[in-house]
Every structure is written in C-alpha cells, then in structure tokens.
Amino acid sequence: MMNLPNKLTMLRVVLIPFFVVFMLCQTTEGTYKWIALGIFITASLTDLLDGKIARKYNLVTNFGKLMDPLADKMLVSAALICLTALGRLAAWIVIVIISREFIISGLRQIAADNGIVIAASYWGKYKTTFQMLMICLLIAGIEALHLLTVIVTWAAVILTIVSLIDYMIKNRQVFMEDK
C-alpha cells in the first residue's frame, strides 16, 4: 500500500500532462494559462507537503527517494519547455537549469555508489524557490510585473549556477579516485 507522501508525489506526476495541455492550449482570453498556473501551484505544493509529511511521520521510502526528485525535475522541465515553446523564456536559460539538474543527479548517483549521501543545501532550496516563482510569473505573464519577472528570472539563473558550484565544491571528494 502506498503511503500519503508517495501518493502526493504520484499526484504531481499525474498533474504534469494536464499542466502541459493547458499551457500549450492558450487562447486569446488567456483562460487556460490560469488553469495551468493553478495546476502548477498545486503540483508545487504537493512537493512541499510530501517531504514534510514523510520526515515528520517517518514515512520515507525508497520509492519516495527515487520518485520525489524525479517528479520535481519532470514538473519543472515540462514548465520550462512549455514556456520556451510559447516564446516566454530563452532556450539558453532552460539549458542551464536542466543541465544543472542532470549534473547534480549524476553527482548524487556517484556519491550514493560510494556510500555518501548528499543533502540538499540552502542554495539549492533558494534556487528551487526562485525557479518556482519565476515559472509562476512567466505563466501569469502580467505586464505590470514584467520588471519583477525579469529580476526573478535572473535571480533563478544565478542561484542555479551558484547552487551547482556550491554542490561541486562541497562534494569534490566524490570525484576523488578510489585508493
């Protein structure tokens, strides 16, 4: 039987195709973008909830350890790709963000193979917060918030790079050859 945090993670995965459909089926009235935004916010909140519940009630599972970060990457990647397809986000920004995720995932895999656990850093948490905020602002596309959107986008890109550098420096022992 699947526990609540894992159900929340799976809900996030199930919401992704609906999010993509509403993102890409834009109308002149913009109705669908608000539905897409609601789905994205809901999915993002499941990410916040599943981890808190799993830790608080000791419901951490191997399934959750695998699927939670994967669901996060799928949601964010889907949003970034849709925003690029709609001309709202430069492709190079998407490449930087997704590349960082691949690099960190690879680093974590190498570390796990060597019995090392790489914990989430504050830089990574700030990065995630700004990426989610950036995505929400870009989906909403409110002209009066254009300057804020630009600032948050640049902050997300900078935090993405800073968090990558932070992870690489703090975990450089992972790259050391075996004796």
N, C-alpha and C. Protein backbone atom coordinates (compact mmCIF):
# COMPACT_ATOMS: atom_id res chain seq x y z
N MET A 1 0.84 -1.19 0.00
CA MET A 1 0.00 0.00 0.00
C MET A 1 0.88 1.25 0.00
N MET A 2 0.54 2.20 -0.80
CA MET A 2 1.33 3.42 -0.95
C MET A 2 0.97 4.41 0.16
N ASN A 3 2.00 5.00 0.79
CA ASN A 3 1.73 5.97 1.87
C ASN A 3 1.38 7.34 1.28
N LEU A 4 0.93 8.26 2.16
CA LEU A 4 0.47 9.58 1.71
C LEU A 4 1.54 10.38 0.98
N PRO A 5 2.78 10.46 1.49
CA PRO A 5 3.79 11.23 0.74
C PRO A 5 4.00 10.68 -0.68
N ASN A 6 4.00 9.36 -0.82
CA ASN A 6 4.18 8.78 -2.16
C ASN A 6 2.97 9.04 -3.05
N LYS A 7 1.78 9.06 -2.47
CA LYS A 7 0.58 9.40 -3.24
C LYS A 7 0.65 10.85 -3.72
N LEU A 8 1.15 11.74 -2.86
CA LEU A 8 1.30 13.14 -3.26
C LEU A 8 2.32 13.28 -4.39
N THR A 9 3.40 12.52 -4.30
CA THR A 9 4.41 12.53 -5.37
C THR A 9 3.79 12.04 -6.67
N MET A 10 3.02 10.96 -6.62
CA MET A 10 2.39 10.44 -7.83
C MET A 10 1.34 11.41 -8.37
N LEU A 11 0.65 12.11 -7.48
CA LEU A 11 -0.30 13.14 -7.93
C LEU A 11 0.43 14.20 -8.74
N ARG A 12 1.62 14.59 -8.27
CA ARG A 12 2.41 15.58 -9.00
C ARG A 12 2.73 15.07 -10.41
N VAL A 13 3.11 13.82 -10.52
CA VAL A 13 3.42 13.24 -11.83
C VAL A 13 2.17 13.21 -12.72
N VAL A 14 1.03 12.82 -12.15
CA VAL A 14 -0.22 12.75 -12.90
C VAL A 14 -0.66 14.14 -13.38
N LEU A 15 -0.37 15.17 -12.60
CA LEU A 15 -0.78 16.53 -12.97
C LEU A 15 0.03 17.11 -14.13
N ILE A 16 1.22 16.59 -14.38
CA ILE A 16 2.11 17.15 -15.40
C ILE A 16 1.46 17.17 -16.79
N PRO A 17 0.89 16.07 -17.29
CA PRO A 17 0.28 16.15 -18.64
C PRO A 17 -0.86 17.17 -18.71
N PHE A 18 -1.65 17.27 -17.66
CA PHE A 18 -2.74 18.25 -17.65
C PHE A 18 -2.18 19.67 -17.68
N PHE A 19 -1.12 19.89 -16.91
CA PHE A 19 -0.43 21.18 -16.91
C PHE A 19 0.04 21.52 -18.33
N VAL A 20 0.70 20.57 -18.98
CA VAL A 20 1.24 20.80 -20.32
C VAL A 20 0.12 21.12 -21.31
N VAL A 21 -0.97 20.38 -21.26
CA VAL A 21 -2.09 20.63 -22.18
C VAL A 21 -2.61 22.05 -21.99
N PHE A 22 -2.85 22.45 -20.74
CA PHE A 22 -3.38 23.79 -20.51
C PHE A 22 -2.35 24.88 -20.85
N MET A 23 -1.09 24.60 -20.67
CA MET A 23 -0.04 25.57 -21.04
C MET A 23 -0.01 25.79 -22.54
N LEU A 24 -0.12 24.71 -23.29
CA LEU A 24 0.06 24.81 -24.74
C LEU A 24 -1.23 25.11 -25.49
N CYS A 25 -2.37 25.02 -24.83
CA CYS A 25 -3.66 25.35 -25.45
C CYS A 25 -4.07 26.76 -25.03
N GLN A 26 -3.24 27.72 -25.36
CA GLN A 26 -3.52 29.10 -24.99
C GLN A 26 -4.60 29.70 -25.88
N THR A 27 -5.42 30.54 -25.29
CA THR A 27 -6.47 31.25 -26.03
C THR A 27 -6.19 32.74 -25.95
N THR A 28 -6.87 33.50 -26.77
CA THR A 28 -6.68 34.95 -26.73
C THR A 28 -7.15 35.53 -25.39
N GLU A 29 -8.13 34.88 -24.77
CA GLU A 29 -8.60 35.37 -23.46
C GLU A 29 -7.63 34.99 -22.34
N GLY A 30 -6.80 33.99 -22.57
CA GLY A 30 -5.82 33.58 -21.57
C GLY A 30 -6.38 32.72 -20.46
N THR A 31 -7.59 32.19 -20.65
CA THR A 31 -8.24 31.38 -19.61
C THR A 31 -7.38 30.19 -19.20
N TYR A 32 -6.84 29.50 -20.19
CA TYR A 32 -6.10 28.27 -19.91
C TYR A 32 -4.82 28.51 -19.12
N LYS A 33 -4.21 29.68 -19.31
CA LYS A 33 -2.97 29.93 -18.57
C LYS A 33 -3.24 29.96 -17.07
N TRP A 34 -4.42 30.43 -16.66
CA TRP A 34 -4.74 30.48 -15.23
C TRP A 34 -5.00 29.08 -14.69
N ILE A 35 -5.58 28.22 -15.52
CA ILE A 35 -5.76 26.82 -15.11
C ILE A 35 -4.39 26.16 -15.00
N ALA A 36 -3.53 26.40 -15.99
CA ALA A 36 -2.17 25.85 -15.96
C ALA A 36 -1.43 26.34 -14.71
N LEU A 37 -1.58 27.63 -14.40
CA LEU A 37 -0.93 28.18 -13.21
C LEU A 37 -1.45 27.50 -11.94
N GLY A 38 -2.76 27.30 -11.87
CA GLY A 38 -3.34 26.61 -10.72
C GLY A 38 -2.82 25.20 -10.57
N ILE A 39 -2.71 24.50 -11.69
CA ILE A 39 -2.17 23.13 -11.66
C ILE A 39 -0.71 23.15 -11.22
N PHE A 40 0.07 24.09 -11.75
CA PHE A 40 1.49 24.17 -11.39
C PHE A 40 1.65 24.46 -9.90
N ILE A 41 0.89 25.39 -9.38
CA ILE A 41 0.98 25.73 -7.95
C ILE A 41 0.56 24.53 -7.10
N THR A 42 -0.52 23.86 -7.49
CA THR A 42 -0.97 22.67 -6.76
C THR A 42 0.12 21.60 -6.76
N ALA A 43 0.70 21.33 -7.92
CA ALA A 43 1.76 20.33 -8.02
C ALA A 43 2.97 20.73 -7.18
N SER A 44 3.32 22.01 -7.21
CA SER A 44 4.45 22.50 -6.41
C SER A 44 4.19 22.34 -4.92
N LEU A 45 2.96 22.58 -4.51
CA LEU A 45 2.61 22.42 -3.09
C LEU A 45 2.67 20.96 -2.65
N THR A 46 2.36 20.02 -3.57
CA THR A 46 2.48 18.61 -3.19
C THR A 46 3.93 18.27 -2.90
N ASP A 47 4.85 18.93 -3.59
CA ASP A 47 6.28 18.72 -3.34
C ASP A 47 6.64 19.17 -1.93
N LEU A 48 6.13 20.31 -1.55
CA LEU A 48 6.39 20.84 -0.21
C LEU A 48 5.80 19.91 0.85
N LEU A 49 4.57 19.47 0.62
CA LEU A 49 3.87 18.63 1.59
C LEU A 49 4.44 17.23 1.73
N ASP A 50 4.75 16.58 0.61
CA ASP A 50 5.16 15.18 0.72
C ASP A 50 6.43 15.01 1.54
N GLY A 51 7.38 15.92 1.36
CA GLY A 51 8.62 15.83 2.13
C GLY A 51 8.40 16.08 3.62
N LYS A 52 7.61 17.09 3.93
CA LYS A 52 7.33 17.40 5.33
C LYS A 52 6.63 16.24 6.02
N ILE A 53 5.62 15.67 5.37
CA ILE A 53 4.88 14.55 5.95
C ILE A 53 5.78 13.32 6.10
N ALA A 54 6.57 13.03 5.07
CA ALA A 54 7.45 11.85 5.11
C ALA A 54 8.44 11.95 6.26
N ARG A 55 9.04 13.12 6.45
CA ARG A 55 10.02 13.28 7.53
C ARG A 55 9.35 13.29 8.90
N LYS A 56 8.24 14.01 9.02
CA LYS A 56 7.57 14.15 10.32
C LYS A 56 7.06 12.81 10.84
N TYR A 57 6.50 11.99 9.96
CA TYR A 57 5.89 10.73 10.38
C TYR A 57 6.73 9.51 10.02
N ASN A 58 8.00 9.75 9.69
CA ASN A 58 8.94 8.67 9.37
C ASN A 58 8.37 7.75 8.27
N LEU A 59 7.92 8.36 7.20
CA LEU A 59 7.34 7.62 6.08
C LEU A 59 8.25 7.65 4.85
N VAL A 60 9.53 7.86 5.07
CA VAL A 60 10.50 7.91 3.97
C VAL A 60 10.65 6.50 3.40
N THR A 61 10.51 6.38 2.07
CA THR A 61 10.64 5.08 1.40
C THR A 61 11.62 5.20 0.25
N ASN A 62 12.10 4.06 -0.22
CA ASN A 62 12.98 4.06 -1.39
C ASN A 62 12.24 4.59 -2.61
N PHE A 63 10.96 4.24 -2.73
CA PHE A 63 10.15 4.76 -3.84
C PHE A 63 10.14 6.29 -3.79
N GLY A 64 9.90 6.84 -2.62
CA GLY A 64 9.86 8.30 -2.45
C GLY A 64 11.21 8.94 -2.74
N LYS A 65 12.28 8.29 -2.30
CA LYS A 65 13.62 8.82 -2.54
C LYS A 65 13.92 8.91 -4.03
N LEU A 66 13.38 7.96 -4.79
CA LEU A 66 13.57 7.97 -6.24
C LEU A 66 12.60 8.92 -6.93
N MET A 67 11.32 8.77 -6.62
CA MET A 67 10.29 9.46 -7.38
C MET A 67 10.13 10.94 -7.03
N ASP A 68 10.35 11.32 -5.77
CA ASP A 68 10.16 12.73 -5.40
C ASP A 68 11.04 13.67 -6.21
N PRO A 69 12.37 13.46 -6.21
CA PRO A 69 13.19 14.37 -7.02
C PRO A 69 12.92 14.22 -8.52
N LEU A 70 12.58 13.03 -8.97
CA LEU A 70 12.27 12.82 -10.38
C LEU A 70 11.00 13.59 -10.76
N ALA A 71 9.98 13.52 -9.92
CA ALA A 71 8.73 14.24 -10.18
C ALA A 71 8.99 15.75 -10.22
N ASP A 72 9.85 16.24 -9.33
CA ASP A 72 10.19 17.67 -9.32
C ASP A 72 10.84 18.07 -10.64
N LYS A 73 11.81 17.28 -11.07
CA LYS A 73 12.52 17.59 -12.30
C LYS A 73 11.59 17.52 -13.51
N MET A 74 10.68 16.55 -13.50
CA MET A 74 9.72 16.43 -14.60
C MET A 74 8.79 17.64 -14.66
N LEU A 75 8.30 18.08 -13.50
CA LEU A 75 7.40 19.23 -13.46
C LEU A 75 8.10 20.51 -13.92
N VAL A 76 9.27 20.78 -13.36
CA VAL A 76 10.00 22.00 -13.71
C VAL A 76 10.43 21.96 -15.18
N SER A 77 10.93 20.82 -15.63
CA SER A 77 11.35 20.70 -17.03
C SER A 77 10.18 20.90 -17.98
N ALA A 78 9.04 20.31 -17.67
CA ALA A 78 7.85 20.48 -18.51
C ALA A 78 7.46 21.96 -18.58
N ALA A 79 7.48 22.63 -17.43
CA ALA A 79 7.12 24.06 -17.40
C ALA A 79 8.10 24.88 -18.23
N LEU A 80 9.39 24.64 -18.04
CA LEU A 80 10.41 25.41 -18.77
C LEU A 80 10.31 25.19 -20.27
N ILE A 81 10.10 23.94 -20.68
CA ILE A 81 10.00 23.64 -22.10
C ILE A 81 8.75 24.30 -22.70
N CYS A 82 7.62 24.24 -21.99
CA CYS A 82 6.40 24.90 -22.46
C CYS A 82 6.61 26.41 -22.58
N LEU A 83 7.25 27.00 -21.58
CA LEU A 83 7.49 28.45 -21.62
C LEU A 83 8.39 28.83 -22.78
N THR A 84 9.36 27.98 -23.11
CA THR A 84 10.22 28.24 -24.26
C THR A 84 9.43 28.10 -25.55
N ALA A 85 8.60 27.05 -25.64
CA ALA A 85 7.78 26.84 -26.84
C ALA A 85 6.83 28.02 -27.08
N LEU A 86 6.39 28.65 -26.00
CA LEU A 86 5.48 29.79 -26.11
C LEU A 86 6.23 31.12 -26.28
N GLY A 87 7.55 31.06 -26.33
CA GLY A 87 8.35 32.27 -26.53
C GLY A 87 8.47 33.16 -25.31
N ARG A 88 8.24 32.61 -24.14
CA ARG A 88 8.30 33.41 -22.91
C ARG A 88 9.61 33.26 -22.15
N LEU A 89 10.42 32.30 -22.55
CA LEU A 89 11.68 32.04 -21.84
C LEU A 89 12.74 31.64 -22.84
N ALA A 90 13.91 32.23 -22.72
CA ALA A 90 15.01 31.92 -23.64
C ALA A 90 15.48 30.48 -23.45
N ALA A 91 15.77 29.83 -24.55
CA ALA A 91 16.19 28.42 -24.51
C ALA A 91 17.46 28.25 -23.69
N TRP A 92 18.39 29.20 -23.73
CA TRP A 92 19.65 29.04 -23.01
C TRP A 92 19.40 28.95 -21.50
N ILE A 93 18.39 29.63 -21.01
CA ILE A 93 18.06 29.56 -19.58
C ILE A 93 17.58 28.15 -19.23
N VAL A 94 16.75 27.60 -20.09
CA VAL A 94 16.26 26.23 -19.88
C VAL A 94 17.42 25.25 -19.90
N ILE A 95 18.35 25.43 -20.83
CA ILE A 95 19.50 24.54 -20.92
C ILE A 95 20.35 24.62 -19.66
N VAL A 96 20.57 25.82 -19.14
CA VAL A 96 21.35 25.99 -17.90
C VAL A 96 20.66 25.27 -16.74
N ILE A 97 19.36 25.49 -16.59
CA ILE A 97 18.63 24.92 -15.46
C ILE A 97 18.57 23.39 -15.56
N ILE A 98 18.21 22.87 -16.72
CA ILE A 98 18.10 21.42 -16.87
C ILE A 98 19.47 20.75 -16.78
N SER A 99 20.49 21.38 -17.34
CA SER A 99 21.85 20.83 -17.25
C SER A 99 22.30 20.72 -15.80
N ARG A 100 22.01 21.74 -15.01
CA ARG A 100 22.37 21.70 -13.59
C ARG A 100 21.72 20.49 -12.92
N GLU A 101 20.45 20.22 -13.26
CA GLU A 101 19.74 19.10 -12.65
C GLU A 101 20.38 17.77 -13.03
N PHE A 102 20.79 17.62 -14.29
CA PHE A 102 21.47 16.40 -14.72
C PHE A 102 22.81 16.24 -13.99
N ILE A 103 23.55 17.33 -13.88
CA ILE A 103 24.86 17.27 -13.21
C ILE A 103 24.70 16.86 -11.75
N ILE A 104 23.77 17.49 -11.04
CA ILE A 104 23.57 17.18 -9.62
C ILE A 104 23.05 15.75 -9.46
N SER A 105 22.16 15.32 -10.35
CA SER A 105 21.67 13.94 -10.28
C SER A 105 22.82 12.95 -10.47
N GLY A 106 23.69 13.23 -11.42
CA GLY A 106 24.86 12.38 -11.64
C GLY A 106 25.78 12.37 -10.43
N LEU A 107 26.01 13.54 -9.87
CA LEU A 107 26.85 13.66 -8.68
C LEU A 107 26.27 12.84 -7.53
N ARG A 108 24.96 12.96 -7.33
CA ARG A 108 24.30 12.19 -6.26
C ARG A 108 24.41 10.69 -6.51
N GLN A 109 24.31 10.27 -7.76
CA GLN A 109 24.41 8.84 -8.08
C GLN A 109 25.81 8.32 -7.78
N ILE A 110 26.83 9.07 -8.20
CA ILE A 110 28.21 8.66 -7.92
C ILE A 110 28.43 8.60 -6.41
N ALA A 111 27.94 9.62 -5.71
CA ALA A 111 28.09 9.66 -4.25
C ALA A 111 27.40 8.46 -3.61
N ALA A 112 26.17 8.17 -4.04
CA ALA A 112 25.41 7.04 -3.47
C ALA A 112 26.14 5.73 -3.71
N ASP A 113 26.74 5.58 -4.89
CA ASP A 113 27.50 4.36 -5.20
C ASP A 113 28.70 4.20 -4.27
N ASN A 114 29.16 5.32 -3.70
CA ASN A 114 30.30 5.29 -2.78
C ASN A 114 29.87 5.44 -1.32
N GLY A 115 28.57 5.29 -1.07
CA GLY A 115 28.06 5.34 0.30
C GLY A 115 28.01 6.74 0.89
N ILE A 116 28.00 7.75 0.04
CA ILE A 116 27.95 9.14 0.50
C ILE A 116 26.57 9.71 0.19
N VAL A 117 25.98 10.36 1.18
CA VAL A 117 24.68 11.00 0.98
C VAL A 117 24.90 12.49 0.80
N ILE A 118 24.37 13.05 -0.25
CA ILE A 118 24.49 14.49 -0.49
C ILE A 118 23.16 15.14 -0.11
N ALA A 119 23.19 15.87 0.96
CA ALA A 119 21.98 16.53 1.45
C ALA A 119 21.71 17.78 0.62
N ALA A 120 20.44 18.17 0.61
CA ALA A 120 20.06 19.41 -0.07
C ALA A 120 20.70 20.59 0.66
N SER A 121 21.16 21.56 -0.10
CA SER A 121 21.78 22.73 0.51
C SER A 121 20.80 23.90 0.51
N TYR A 122 21.13 24.91 1.29
CA TYR A 122 20.29 26.11 1.29
C TYR A 122 20.29 26.77 -0.08
N TRP A 123 21.43 26.76 -0.77
CA TRP A 123 21.49 27.34 -2.11
C TRP A 123 20.52 26.61 -3.03
N GLY A 124 20.45 25.29 -2.91
CA GLY A 124 19.53 24.51 -3.72
C GLY A 124 18.08 24.84 -3.40
N LYS A 125 17.79 25.07 -2.13
CA LYS A 125 16.42 25.43 -1.74
C LYS A 125 16.05 26.82 -2.26
N TYR A 126 17.00 27.77 -2.19
CA TYR A 126 16.74 29.10 -2.73
C TYR A 126 16.53 29.02 -4.24
N LYS A 127 17.36 28.21 -4.89
CA LYS A 127 17.25 28.02 -6.34
C LYS A 127 15.86 27.52 -6.70
N THR A 128 15.40 26.51 -5.99
CA THR A 128 14.08 25.94 -6.25
C THR A 128 12.98 26.98 -6.05
N THR A 129 13.07 27.73 -4.96
CA THR A 129 12.07 28.76 -4.66
C THR A 129 12.00 29.78 -5.79
N PHE A 130 13.15 30.28 -6.23
CA PHE A 130 13.17 31.28 -7.29
C PHE A 130 12.75 30.70 -8.64
N GLN A 131 13.10 29.45 -8.91
CA GLN A 131 12.64 28.83 -10.15
C GLN A 131 11.12 28.71 -10.18
N MET A 132 10.54 28.27 -9.06
CA MET A 132 9.08 28.13 -8.99
C MET A 132 8.40 29.49 -9.14
N LEU A 133 8.94 30.49 -8.46
CA LEU A 133 8.39 31.85 -8.57
C LEU A 133 8.52 32.37 -10.00
N MET A 134 9.68 32.15 -10.61
CA MET A 134 9.90 32.56 -11.99
C MET A 134 8.88 31.92 -12.92
N ILE A 135 8.68 30.61 -12.76
CA ILE A 135 7.73 29.89 -13.61
C ILE A 135 6.32 30.46 -13.43
N CYS A 136 5.92 30.70 -12.18
CA CYS A 136 4.58 31.26 -11.92
C CYS A 136 4.43 32.63 -12.57
N LEU A 137 5.43 33.48 -12.43
CA LEU A 137 5.37 34.82 -13.03
C LEU A 137 5.33 34.75 -14.56
N LEU A 138 6.11 33.84 -15.13
CA LEU A 138 6.13 33.70 -16.59
C LEU A 138 4.82 33.13 -17.12
N ILE A 139 4.21 32.21 -16.37
CA ILE A 139 2.91 31.68 -16.80
C ILE A 139 1.87 32.79 -16.76
N ALA A 140 1.85 33.53 -15.65
CA ALA A 140 0.86 34.60 -15.49
C ALA A 140 1.03 35.68 -16.55
N GLY A 141 2.28 36.02 -16.85
CA GLY A 141 2.57 37.00 -17.90
C GLY A 141 1.88 38.34 -17.70
N ILE A 142 1.88 38.83 -16.47
CA ILE A 142 1.23 40.10 -16.16
C ILE A 142 2.20 41.25 -16.50
N GLU A 143 1.80 42.08 -17.43
CA GLU A 143 2.66 43.15 -17.93
C GLU A 143 3.16 44.06 -16.80
N ALA A 144 2.31 44.37 -15.84
CA ALA A 144 2.70 45.25 -14.73
C ALA A 144 3.80 44.63 -13.87
N LEU A 145 3.98 43.30 -13.98
CA LEU A 145 5.01 42.61 -13.20
C LEU A 145 6.23 42.23 -14.05
N HIS A 146 6.33 42.84 -15.23
CA HIS A 146 7.42 42.49 -16.16
C HIS A 146 8.80 42.67 -15.52
N LEU A 147 9.05 43.82 -14.91
CA LEU A 147 10.36 44.06 -14.30
C LEU A 147 10.64 43.05 -13.19
N LEU A 148 9.66 42.77 -12.35
CA LEU A 148 9.81 41.76 -11.30
C LEU A 148 10.11 40.39 -11.91
N THR A 149 9.43 40.07 -12.99
CA THR A 149 9.64 38.78 -13.67
C THR A 149 11.08 38.68 -14.18
N VAL A 150 11.58 39.75 -14.77
CA VAL A 150 12.97 39.76 -15.27
C VAL A 150 13.95 39.58 -14.11
N ILE A 151 13.73 40.30 -13.02
CA ILE A 151 14.62 40.21 -11.85
C ILE A 151 14.59 38.80 -11.26
N VAL A 152 13.41 38.24 -11.11
CA VAL A 152 13.29 36.88 -10.54
C VAL A 152 13.91 35.85 -11.48
N THR A 153 13.76 36.04 -12.78
CA THR A 153 14.36 35.12 -13.75
C THR A 153 15.88 35.14 -13.63
N TRP A 154 16.47 36.34 -13.58
CA TRP A 154 17.92 36.44 -13.43
C TRP A 154 18.38 35.85 -12.09
N ALA A 155 17.61 36.10 -11.04
CA ALA A 155 17.95 35.53 -9.72
C ALA A 155 17.91 34.00 -9.78
N ALA A 156 16.91 33.45 -10.47
CA ALA A 156 16.81 31.99 -10.61
C ALA A 156 18.01 31.42 -11.36
N VAL A 157 18.41 32.09 -12.43
CA VAL A 157 19.57 31.63 -13.22
C VAL A 157 20.84 31.70 -12.37
N ILE A 158 21.04 32.82 -11.69
CA ILE A 158 22.24 32.98 -10.86
C ILE A 158 22.26 31.95 -9.74
N LEU A 159 21.12 31.75 -9.07
CA LEU A 159 21.06 30.77 -7.98
C LEU A 159 21.25 29.35 -8.50
N THR A 160 20.80 29.08 -9.70
CA THR A 160 21.02 27.77 -10.32
C THR A 160 22.52 27.52 -10.46
N ILE A 161 23.24 28.50 -10.96
CA ILE A 161 24.69 28.37 -11.16
C ILE A 161 25.42 28.32 -9.81
N VAL A 162 25.06 29.22 -8.90
CA VAL A 162 25.70 29.25 -7.58
C VAL A 162 25.48 27.94 -6.84
N SER A 163 24.26 27.40 -6.90
CA SER A 163 23.99 26.14 -6.19
C SER A 163 24.78 24.99 -6.81
N LEU A 164 24.95 25.00 -8.12
CA LEU A 164 25.76 23.98 -8.78
C LEU A 164 27.20 24.06 -8.29
N ILE A 165 27.76 25.25 -8.31
CA ILE A 165 29.15 25.44 -7.86
C ILE A 165 29.28 25.02 -6.40
N ASP A 166 28.31 25.41 -5.57
CA ASP A 166 28.33 25.04 -4.15
C ASP A 166 28.34 23.52 -3.98
N TYR A 167 27.47 22.81 -4.69
CA TYR A 167 27.42 21.35 -4.60
C TYR A 167 28.75 20.74 -5.06
N MET A 168 29.30 21.26 -6.14
CA MET A 168 30.54 20.69 -6.68
C MET A 168 31.71 20.89 -5.71
N ILE A 169 31.80 22.08 -5.12
CA ILE A 169 32.90 22.35 -4.18
C ILE A 169 32.73 21.53 -2.90
N LYS A 170 31.53 21.54 -2.32
CA LYS A 170 31.30 20.83 -1.06
C LYS A 170 31.44 19.32 -1.21
N ASN A 171 31.25 18.81 -2.41
CA ASN A 171 31.25 17.37 -2.62
C ASN A 171 32.36 16.91 -3.56
N ARG A 172 33.43 17.68 -3.61
CA ARG A 172 34.53 17.35 -4.52
C ARG A 172 35.17 16.01 -4.20
N GLN A 173 35.03 15.54 -2.93
CA GLN A 173 35.60 14.25 -2.56
C GLN A 173 34.96 13.11 -3.36
N VAL A 174 33.77 13.33 -3.87
CA VAL A 174 33.08 12.31 -4.67
C VAL A 174 33.86 12.02 -5.94
N PHE A 175 34.58 13.02 -6.44
CA PHE A 175 35.32 12.86 -7.69
C PHE A 175 36.72 12.25 -7.51
N MET A 176 37.14 12.15 -6.26
CA MET A 176 38.47 11.59 -5.99
C MET A 176 38.46 10.11 -6.35
N GLU A 177 39.55 9.67 -6.96
CA GLU A 177 39.64 8.27 -7.37
C GLU A 177 39.77 7.38 -6.15
N ASP A 178 39.29 6.12 -6.30
CA ASP A 178 39.45 5.13 -5.23
C ASP A 178 40.92 4.85 -5.02
N LYS A 179 41.24 4.50 -3.78
CA LYS A 179 42.65 4.18 -3.47
C LYS A 179 43.00 2.80 -3.88
